[in-house]
N, C-alpha and C. Protein backbone atom coordinates (compact mmCIF):
# COMPACT_ATOMS: atom_id res chain seq x y z
N MET A 1 12.35 -10.09 3.84
CA MET A 1 12.93 -8.97 4.65
C MET A 1 11.93 -7.39 5.02
N ASN A 2 11.03 -7.23 4.15
CA ASN A 2 10.12 -6.28 4.41
C ASN A 2 9.18 -6.99 5.59
N ARG A 3 8.74 -7.94 5.78
CA ARG A 3 8.29 -7.92 7.12
C ARG A 3 8.58 -8.33 8.21
N VAL A 4 10.32 -8.56 8.35
CA VAL A 4 10.76 -8.34 9.27
C VAL A 4 11.11 -6.99 9.63
N ALA A 5 11.43 -5.78 8.88
CA ALA A 5 11.48 -4.35 8.76
C ALA A 5 9.97 -3.72 9.29
N GLY A 6 8.76 -4.80 9.19
CA GLY A 6 7.85 -4.11 9.37
C GLY A 6 7.65 -4.29 10.88
N VAL A 7 8.01 -5.62 11.07
CA VAL A 7 8.11 -6.40 12.72
C VAL A 7 8.73 -5.24 13.61
N LEU A 8 10.32 -5.01 13.07
CA LEU A 8 11.17 -4.19 14.13
C LEU A 8 10.67 -2.84 14.14
N ARG A 9 9.82 -2.04 13.10
CA ARG A 9 9.09 -0.81 13.14
C ARG A 9 7.93 -0.79 14.19
N ARG A 10 7.32 -1.88 14.04
CA ARG A 10 5.84 -1.63 15.32
C ARG A 10 6.61 -1.68 16.56
N THR A 11 7.83 -3.15 16.40
CA THR A 11 8.10 -3.16 18.09
C THR A 11 9.06 -1.98 18.73
N PHE A 12 9.61 -1.46 17.89
CA PHE A 12 10.68 -0.14 18.63
C PHE A 12 10.19 1.22 18.02
N GLY A 13 8.84 0.97 17.52
CA GLY A 13 8.21 2.63 17.07
C GLY A 13 8.73 3.35 15.99
N ILE A 14 8.81 4.48 15.95
CA ILE A 14 8.76 4.85 14.14
C ILE A 14 10.11 5.08 13.91
N VAL A 15 10.20 4.22 12.87
CA VAL A 15 11.96 4.31 12.03
C VAL A 15 11.91 5.63 10.93
N ARG A 16 13.18 6.42 11.73
CA ARG A 16 13.32 7.94 10.68
C ARG A 16 14.38 7.25 10.34
N GLU A 17 14.75 8.27 8.74
CA GLU A 17 16.20 8.15 8.36
C GLU A 17 16.05 9.31 8.30
N HIS A 18 17.58 9.69 8.35
CA HIS A 18 18.42 10.87 8.58
C HIS A 18 18.87 11.32 7.00
N VAL A 19 18.30 12.65 6.69
CA VAL A 19 18.66 13.38 5.41
C VAL A 19 19.54 14.15 5.49
N GLY A 20 19.65 15.23 6.26
CA GLY A 20 20.44 15.82 6.40
C GLY A 20 20.88 16.75 7.56
N THR A 21 21.58 17.77 7.71
CA THR A 21 21.94 18.27 8.70
C THR A 21 22.27 20.04 8.25
N ASP A 22 21.46 21.19 8.06
CA ASP A 22 22.08 22.42 7.52
C ASP A 22 23.17 22.88 8.46
N HIS A 23 23.36 24.32 8.31
CA HIS A 23 24.62 25.22 8.90
C HIS A 23 24.15 25.78 10.47
N VAL A 24 23.23 25.64 10.60
CA VAL A 24 22.57 25.80 12.34
C VAL A 24 22.85 24.83 13.10
N GLY A 25 22.56 23.75 12.48
CA GLY A 25 22.60 22.28 13.56
C GLY A 25 21.37 21.64 13.13
N ASN A 26 20.35 22.24 12.58
CA ASN A 26 19.17 21.29 12.57
C ASN A 26 19.29 20.23 11.72
N THR A 27 18.53 19.37 12.36
CA THR A 27 18.52 17.79 11.58
C THR A 27 17.30 17.69 10.78
N TYR A 28 17.29 17.29 10.03
CA TYR A 28 16.09 16.59 8.90
C TYR A 28 16.04 15.07 8.60
N TYR A 29 14.75 14.81 9.09
CA TYR A 29 14.44 13.38 8.75
C TYR A 29 13.25 13.11 7.87
N HIS A 30 13.31 11.87 7.36
CA HIS A 30 12.02 11.29 6.44
C HIS A 30 11.67 10.13 7.43
N ILE A 31 10.30 10.03 7.44
CA ILE A 31 9.50 9.34 8.10
C ILE A 31 9.18 8.24 6.83
N PRO A 32 9.54 7.40 6.45
CA PRO A 32 8.50 6.22 5.40
C PRO A 32 7.33 5.71 5.56
N GLU A 33 6.42 5.61 4.40
CA GLU A 33 4.88 5.01 5.38
C GLU A 33 5.08 3.93 5.74
N GLN A 34 4.34 3.80 6.64
CA GLN A 34 4.25 2.10 7.34
C GLN A 34 2.68 1.97 7.96
N LYS A 35 3.25 0.78 8.28
CA LYS A 35 1.79 0.24 9.43
C LYS A 35 2.05 0.11 10.88
N THR A 36 1.01 0.66 11.35
CA THR A 36 1.07 0.51 12.95
C THR A 36 0.82 -1.17 13.18
N TRP A 37 0.79 -1.43 14.47
CA TRP A 37 0.86 -2.59 15.01
C TRP A 37 -0.24 -3.32 14.77
N THR A 38 -1.53 -2.01 14.59
CA THR A 38 -3.07 -2.21 14.58
C THR A 38 -3.11 -2.37 12.93
N GLY A 39 -2.28 -2.66 11.78
CA GLY A 39 -2.55 -2.33 10.85
C GLY A 39 -3.05 -1.24 10.05
N ARG A 40 -3.15 -0.36 10.79
CA ARG A 40 -3.31 0.86 10.19
C ARG A 40 -1.85 2.01 9.35
N LEU A 41 -2.40 2.47 8.24
CA LEU A 41 -1.35 2.68 7.50
C LEU A 41 -0.82 4.47 7.68
N VAL A 42 0.27 4.36 7.90
CA VAL A 42 0.83 5.76 8.52
C VAL A 42 1.23 6.59 7.43
N ARG A 43 1.01 7.67 6.85
CA ARG A 43 1.68 8.05 5.71
C ARG A 43 3.15 8.52 5.95
N ALA A 44 4.03 9.08 4.81
CA ALA A 44 5.22 9.11 4.86
C ALA A 44 5.26 10.72 5.16
N ARG A 45 6.23 11.18 6.10
CA ARG A 45 6.25 12.62 6.87
C ARG A 45 7.89 13.06 6.70
N ARG A 46 7.73 13.95 6.78
CA ARG A 46 9.44 14.88 6.89
C ARG A 46 9.34 15.81 7.74
N MET A 47 10.35 15.50 8.62
CA MET A 47 10.51 16.63 9.84
C MET A 47 11.96 17.02 10.44
N VAL A 48 11.84 18.02 11.21
CA VAL A 48 13.09 18.76 11.44
C VAL A 48 13.24 18.35 12.77
N VAL A 49 14.55 18.52 13.26
CA VAL A 49 14.47 18.59 14.91
C VAL A 49 15.40 19.93 15.25
N ALA A 50 14.88 20.96 15.53
CA ALA A 50 15.49 22.43 15.79
C ALA A 50 16.74 22.18 16.60
N ALA A 51 17.62 22.90 16.12
CA ALA A 51 18.62 23.00 17.16
C ALA A 51 18.52 23.79 18.44
N ASN A 52 17.60 24.86 18.55
CA ASN A 52 17.22 25.37 19.59
C ASN A 52 15.81 24.80 19.77
N VAL A 53 15.74 24.02 20.44
CA VAL A 53 14.56 23.38 20.83
C VAL A 53 13.53 24.15 21.52
N THR A 54 13.84 25.27 22.26
CA THR A 54 12.79 25.99 22.95
C THR A 54 12.15 27.16 22.10
N GLU A 55 11.03 27.22 22.14
CA GLU A 55 10.33 28.18 21.31
C GLU A 55 10.67 29.64 21.23
N HIS A 56 11.15 30.19 22.53
CA HIS A 56 11.09 31.61 22.52
C HIS A 56 12.68 32.21 21.76
N GLU A 57 13.52 30.75 21.70
CA GLU A 57 14.82 31.03 21.32
C GLU A 57 14.67 31.09 19.30
N TYR A 58 13.59 30.77 19.26
CA TYR A 58 13.16 30.50 17.50
C TYR A 58 13.46 32.15 16.64
N VAL A 59 14.28 32.19 15.86
CA VAL A 59 14.31 33.22 15.08
C VAL A 59 13.76 33.15 13.55
N GLU A 60 13.45 33.90 13.03
CA GLU A 60 13.11 33.87 11.83
C GLU A 60 14.08 33.40 10.78
N GLY A 61 13.95 32.60 10.10
CA GLY A 61 15.25 32.46 9.03
C GLY A 61 16.23 31.27 9.84
N SER A 62 15.63 30.45 10.68
CA SER A 62 16.58 29.41 11.39
C SER A 62 16.61 27.93 10.50
N ILE A 63 15.57 28.11 9.56
CA ILE A 63 15.64 26.92 8.92
C ILE A 63 15.34 27.24 7.33
N PRO A 64 16.36 27.40 6.63
CA PRO A 64 17.16 27.67 5.34
C PRO A 64 16.19 27.41 4.51
N THR A 65 15.43 28.37 3.28
CA THR A 65 14.59 28.12 2.42
C THR A 65 14.59 27.06 1.75
N GLU A 66 15.54 26.41 1.14
CA GLU A 66 15.91 25.12 0.69
C GLU A 66 15.30 23.81 1.52
N TRP A 67 15.59 24.00 2.51
CA TRP A 67 14.83 23.20 3.42
C TRP A 67 13.81 23.11 4.11
N ASP A 68 13.39 24.46 4.21
CA ASP A 68 11.60 24.62 4.25
C ASP A 68 10.91 24.25 3.05
N SER A 69 11.03 24.36 1.93
CA SER A 69 10.41 23.65 0.60
C SER A 69 10.60 22.43 0.76
N TRP A 70 11.72 21.48 1.18
CA TRP A 70 11.83 20.12 1.44
C TRP A 70 10.77 19.50 2.14
N ILE A 71 10.84 20.13 3.46
CA ILE A 71 9.76 19.42 4.43
C ILE A 71 8.35 19.93 4.06
N ARG A 72 8.00 21.05 3.15
CA ARG A 72 6.67 20.99 3.21
C ARG A 72 6.39 20.39 1.75
N GLY A 73 7.32 19.59 1.34
CA GLY A 73 6.58 18.97 0.13
C GLY A 73 6.74 19.92 -1.05
N ARG A 74 7.46 20.94 -1.48
CA ARG A 74 7.47 21.55 -2.49
C ARG A 74 8.49 20.96 -3.30
N ARG A 75 9.40 19.99 -3.01
CA ARG A 75 10.34 19.58 -4.06
C ARG A 75 10.49 18.20 -3.45
N LYS A 76 11.09 17.46 -4.22
CA LYS A 76 11.18 16.01 -4.03
C LYS A 76 12.60 15.49 -3.31
N GLU A 77 13.40 16.21 -3.58
CA GLU A 77 15.23 15.98 -3.19
C GLU A 77 15.17 16.84 -2.50
N PRO A 78 16.11 16.41 -1.13
CA PRO A 78 16.57 17.38 -0.35
C PRO A 78 17.75 18.06 -0.87
N PRO A 79 17.92 19.42 -0.50
CA PRO A 79 19.05 20.31 -1.18
C PRO A 79 20.39 19.86 -1.01
N SER A 80 21.00 20.10 -1.89
CA SER A 80 22.71 19.56 -1.49
C SER A 80 23.56 20.47 -1.20
N VAL A 81 24.65 20.24 -0.63
CA VAL A 81 25.74 21.01 0.32
C VAL A 81 26.04 22.34 -0.93
N GLU A 82 26.24 21.67 -2.12
CA GLU A 82 26.78 22.34 -3.00
C GLU A 82 25.49 23.74 -3.36
N GLU A 83 24.07 23.18 -3.44
CA GLU A 83 23.17 24.18 -3.82
C GLU A 83 23.03 24.93 -3.03
N LEU A 84 22.99 24.68 -1.74
CA LEU A 84 22.99 25.56 -0.53
C LEU A 84 23.88 26.62 -0.39
N LEU A 85 25.48 26.42 -0.64
CA LEU A 85 26.33 27.00 -0.91
C LEU A 85 25.95 28.32 -2.13
N LYS A 86 25.64 27.86 -2.90
CA LYS A 86 25.65 28.60 -4.22
C LYS A 86 24.38 29.65 -4.11
N ASN A 87 23.16 28.85 -3.34
CA ASN A 87 22.16 29.98 -2.94
C ASN A 87 22.56 31.43 -2.08
N GLN A 88 23.48 30.24 -0.89
CA GLN A 88 23.95 31.47 -0.08
C GLN A 88 24.68 32.50 -0.63
N SER A 89 25.61 32.45 -1.41
CA SER A 89 26.78 33.10 -2.20
C SER A 89 25.79 34.25 -2.94
N TYR A 90 24.39 33.64 -3.71
CA TYR A 90 23.59 34.33 -4.63
C TYR A 90 23.25 35.66 -3.41
N ARG A 91 22.17 35.25 -2.37
CA ARG A 91 22.17 36.03 -1.36
C ARG A 91 22.46 37.19 -1.25
N ASP A 92 24.17 36.73 -0.84
CA ASP A 92 25.29 37.59 -0.38
C ASP A 92 25.50 38.69 -1.49
N ASN A 93 25.45 38.27 -2.48
CA ASN A 93 25.62 39.06 -3.46
C ASN A 93 24.33 39.84 -3.78
N ILE A 94 23.50 39.70 -4.12
CA ILE A 94 22.30 40.79 -3.71
C ILE A 94 22.17 41.31 -2.65
N LYS A 95 22.72 41.10 -1.64
CA LYS A 95 22.74 42.14 -0.51
C LYS A 95 23.30 43.01 -0.91
N ILE A 96 24.67 42.82 -1.20
CA ILE A 96 25.78 44.06 -1.72
C ILE A 96 25.14 44.76 -2.49
N LYS A 97 24.65 44.33 -3.87
CA LYS A 97 23.92 45.14 -4.73
C LYS A 97 23.30 46.02 -4.24
N ALA A 98 22.46 46.05 -3.31
CA ALA A 98 21.13 46.53 -3.12
C ALA A 98 21.80 47.30 -2.08
N ARG A 99 22.96 47.09 -1.31
CA ARG A 99 23.52 48.31 -0.34
C ARG A 99 24.12 49.25 -1.22
N GLU A 100 24.93 48.81 -2.54
CA GLU A 100 25.63 50.00 -3.41
C GLU A 100 24.28 50.59 -3.80
N VAL A 101 22.84 50.16 -4.79
CA VAL A 101 22.06 51.16 -5.09
C VAL A 101 21.72 52.02 -3.88
N GLU A 102 21.21 51.91 -2.84
CA GLU A 102 20.65 52.30 -1.90
C GLU A 102 21.85 53.41 -1.64
N GLU A 103 23.20 53.54 -1.48
CA GLU A 103 24.17 54.54 -1.33
C GLU A 103 23.87 55.67 -2.31
N LYS A 104 23.81 54.91 -3.69
CA LYS A 104 23.89 55.91 -4.77
C LYS A 104 22.61 56.90 -4.78
N ASP A 105 21.69 56.07 -4.40
CA ASP A 105 20.24 56.32 -4.51
C ASP A 105 20.41 57.83 -3.14
N LEU A 106 21.19 57.45 -2.46
CA LEU A 106 21.15 58.83 -0.81
C LEU A 106 22.12 59.57 -1.45
N ILE A 107 23.20 59.43 -2.30
CA ILE A 107 24.33 60.41 -2.90
C ILE A 107 22.88 61.59 -4.06
N LEU A 108 23.00 60.91 -4.80
CA LEU A 108 21.66 61.43 -5.63
C LEU A 108 20.57 62.08 -5.49
N GLN A 109 19.93 61.68 -3.91
CA GLN A 109 19.23 62.63 -3.64
C GLN A 109 19.84 63.69 -2.96
N ALA A 110 20.76 63.63 -1.92
CA ALA A 110 21.50 64.77 -1.57
C ALA A 110 22.23 66.30 -2.65
N LYS A 111 22.26 65.54 -3.59
CA LYS A 111 22.81 66.00 -5.22
C LYS A 111 21.32 67.18 -5.63
N GLU A 112 20.44 66.10 -5.64
CA GLU A 112 19.18 67.02 -6.04
C GLU A 112 18.77 68.17 -4.59
N TYR A 113 19.11 67.78 -3.92
CA TYR A 113 18.55 68.92 -2.62
C TYR A 113 19.57 70.14 -2.50
N GLU A 114 21.06 69.71 -2.80
CA GLU A 114 21.98 70.95 -3.16
C GLU A 114 21.46 71.71 -4.45
N ASP A 115 21.27 71.23 -5.38
CA ASP A 115 20.95 71.72 -7.01
C ASP A 115 19.35 72.48 -6.47
N GLY A 116 18.46 71.89 -5.50
CA GLY A 116 17.27 72.75 -5.23
C GLY A 116 16.16 72.21 -6.66
N LEU A 117 16.78 70.72 -7.00
CA LEU A 117 15.54 70.22 -7.79
C LEU A 117 14.30 69.44 -7.17
N VAL A 118 14.57 69.18 -6.05
CA VAL A 118 14.05 68.76 -4.66
C VAL A 118 14.01 69.43 -3.59
N THR A 119 12.71 69.63 -3.00
CA THR A 119 12.56 70.40 -1.82
C THR A 119 12.87 68.77 -0.94
N THR A 120 13.41 69.54 0.16
CA THR A 120 13.90 68.61 1.43
C THR A 120 12.09 68.16 2.07
N PRO A 121 11.89 66.82 2.73
CA PRO A 121 10.85 66.44 2.67
C PRO A 121 10.32 67.49 4.34
N ALA A 122 9.08 67.67 4.03
CA ALA A 122 8.88 68.51 5.17
C ALA A 122 8.40 67.96 6.32
N LYS A 123 8.86 68.39 7.53
CA LYS A 123 8.73 68.10 9.03
C LYS A 123 7.67 68.36 9.69
N THR A 124 6.71 67.31 9.91
CA THR A 124 5.62 67.87 10.46
C THR A 124 5.53 67.34 11.88
N LEU A 125 4.57 68.39 12.81
CA LEU A 125 4.57 68.58 13.85
C LEU A 125 3.48 68.28 14.70
N ALA A 126 2.92 66.98 15.21
CA ALA A 126 1.75 66.56 15.58
C ALA A 126 1.72 66.68 17.02
N LYS A 127 0.80 67.54 17.54
CA LYS A 127 0.55 67.89 18.83
C LYS A 127 -0.49 66.54 19.64
N GLY A 128 0.54 66.35 20.71
CA GLY A 128 0.03 65.37 21.18
C GLY A 128 -0.05 63.56 20.77
N HIS A 129 -0.67 62.97 21.08
CA HIS A 129 -0.27 60.97 20.72
C HIS A 129 -1.49 61.01 20.13
N ALA A 130 -1.55 59.98 18.96
CA ALA A 130 -2.70 59.27 18.12
C ALA A 130 -3.50 58.58 18.77
N ALA A 131 -3.29 58.30 19.99
CA ALA A 131 -3.97 57.71 20.82
C ALA A 131 -4.76 58.27 21.93
N SER A 132 -4.46 59.85 22.32
CA SER A 132 -4.85 60.59 23.09
C SER A 132 -6.67 60.81 23.08
N THR A 133 -7.41 61.27 23.64
CA THR A 133 -8.59 61.53 23.28
C THR A 133 -9.19 62.74 22.38
N ASP A 134 -7.90 63.66 22.34
CA ASP A 134 -7.87 65.23 22.19
C ASP A 134 -7.20 65.80 20.75
N PHE A 135 -6.72 64.10 20.45
CA PHE A 135 -5.55 64.33 18.99
C PHE A 135 -6.46 64.52 18.07
N GLY A 136 -6.16 65.62 17.36
CA GLY A 136 -6.42 66.28 16.09
C GLY A 136 -7.48 67.32 16.20
N LYS A 137 -8.07 67.40 17.60
CA LYS A 137 -9.00 68.19 17.72
C LYS A 137 -8.46 69.55 17.98
N GLN A 138 -9.49 70.38 17.51
CA GLN A 138 -9.21 72.14 17.54
C GLN A 138 -9.65 72.70 18.80
N GLU A 139 -8.86 73.69 19.13
CA GLU A 139 -8.86 74.27 20.75
C GLU A 139 -10.07 75.06 20.62
N ILE A 140 -10.76 75.16 21.93
CA ILE A 140 -12.10 75.69 22.15
C ILE A 140 -12.00 76.89 21.75
N SER A 141 -12.91 77.58 21.21
CA SER A 141 -13.08 79.04 20.62
C SER A 141 -13.81 79.68 21.04
N GLU A 142 -14.38 80.95 21.06
CA GLU A 142 -15.47 81.64 21.73
C GLU A 142 -16.33 81.97 20.18
N ASP A 143 -15.60 81.78 19.12
CA ASP A 143 -16.51 82.07 18.01
C ASP A 143 -17.50 80.58 17.35
N PRO A 144 -18.36 80.81 16.93
CA PRO A 144 -19.02 80.19 16.53
C PRO A 144 -18.51 79.55 15.23
N SER A 145 -18.86 78.30 14.79
CA SER A 145 -18.22 77.57 13.63
C SER A 145 -18.90 76.79 12.72
N SER A 146 -19.03 76.66 11.57
CA SER A 146 -20.11 76.04 10.65
C SER A 146 -19.13 75.27 9.71
N THR A 147 -19.63 74.66 9.43
CA THR A 147 -19.32 73.49 8.19
C THR A 147 -20.44 72.65 7.38
N ALA A 148 -20.42 73.10 6.05
CA ALA A 148 -21.87 72.44 5.82
C ALA A 148 -22.98 72.63 6.25
N ASN A 149 -23.63 71.50 6.14
CA ASN A 149 -25.07 71.68 7.08
C ASN A 149 -25.03 71.85 9.01
N THR A 150 -23.80 71.42 9.02
CA THR A 150 -23.71 71.24 10.59
C THR A 150 -23.29 72.76 11.46
N PHE A 151 -23.72 72.78 12.43
CA PHE A 151 -23.51 73.87 13.31
C PHE A 151 -22.75 73.86 14.43
N GLN A 152 -21.63 74.32 15.08
CA GLN A 152 -21.07 74.08 16.46
C GLN A 152 -21.24 75.63 17.06
N PRO A 153 -21.65 75.96 17.91
CA PRO A 153 -21.88 77.15 18.77
C PRO A 153 -20.28 77.18 19.44
N GLY A 154 -20.07 78.51 19.63
CA GLY A 154 -18.76 78.89 20.09
C GLY A 154 -18.86 78.28 21.77
N SER A 155 -18.19 78.44 22.88
CA SER A 155 -18.13 78.32 24.00
C SER A 155 -17.69 79.24 24.70
N TRP A 156 -17.95 79.81 25.72
CA TRP A 156 -17.61 80.96 26.66
C TRP A 156 -16.54 80.47 27.27
N LEU A 157 -15.41 81.21 27.27
CA LEU A 157 -14.18 81.22 28.01
C LEU A 157 -14.18 82.61 28.89
N PRO A 158 -13.61 82.47 30.09
CA PRO A 158 -13.39 83.69 30.68
C PRO A 158 -12.53 84.51 30.12
N LYS A 159 -12.29 85.52 30.43
CA LYS A 159 -11.33 86.55 30.08
C LYS A 159 -9.93 86.30 30.85
N LYS A 160 -9.35 86.46 30.00
CA LYS A 160 -7.52 86.46 30.42
C LYS A 160 -7.10 87.80 31.21
């Protein structure tokens, strides 16, 4: 039977086994180790066929982390539906708790500002843009300036 399967594989190309589909619509396949018609051994691979086949539509997180770890060979077995649902509910709970902690922190900061325990953040005003050539340079003055071993002569400016 193994010889027949090998002949069929070589005749009809690569045989891939469907392993699963995620909630986005990506399908996952396992390609078992096989020999080509020349006798060369092709190692086993795992692959995904994306739901959005165009690259510009790819968004980070399109492949769930459980499936990503299976594709990369970090786990032997593909994730089950129960595992995916459990991990998703865990992530949702973490997001809710993080939002609650952030809200409590904002309330605490506002109370500290009111009580005078903490000053409000200083608002700095930068003149110009960091990419401009004169950003951070002092204005030209008539007076000479010196710092350490360097001497900068003053510039002549017309009277106003």
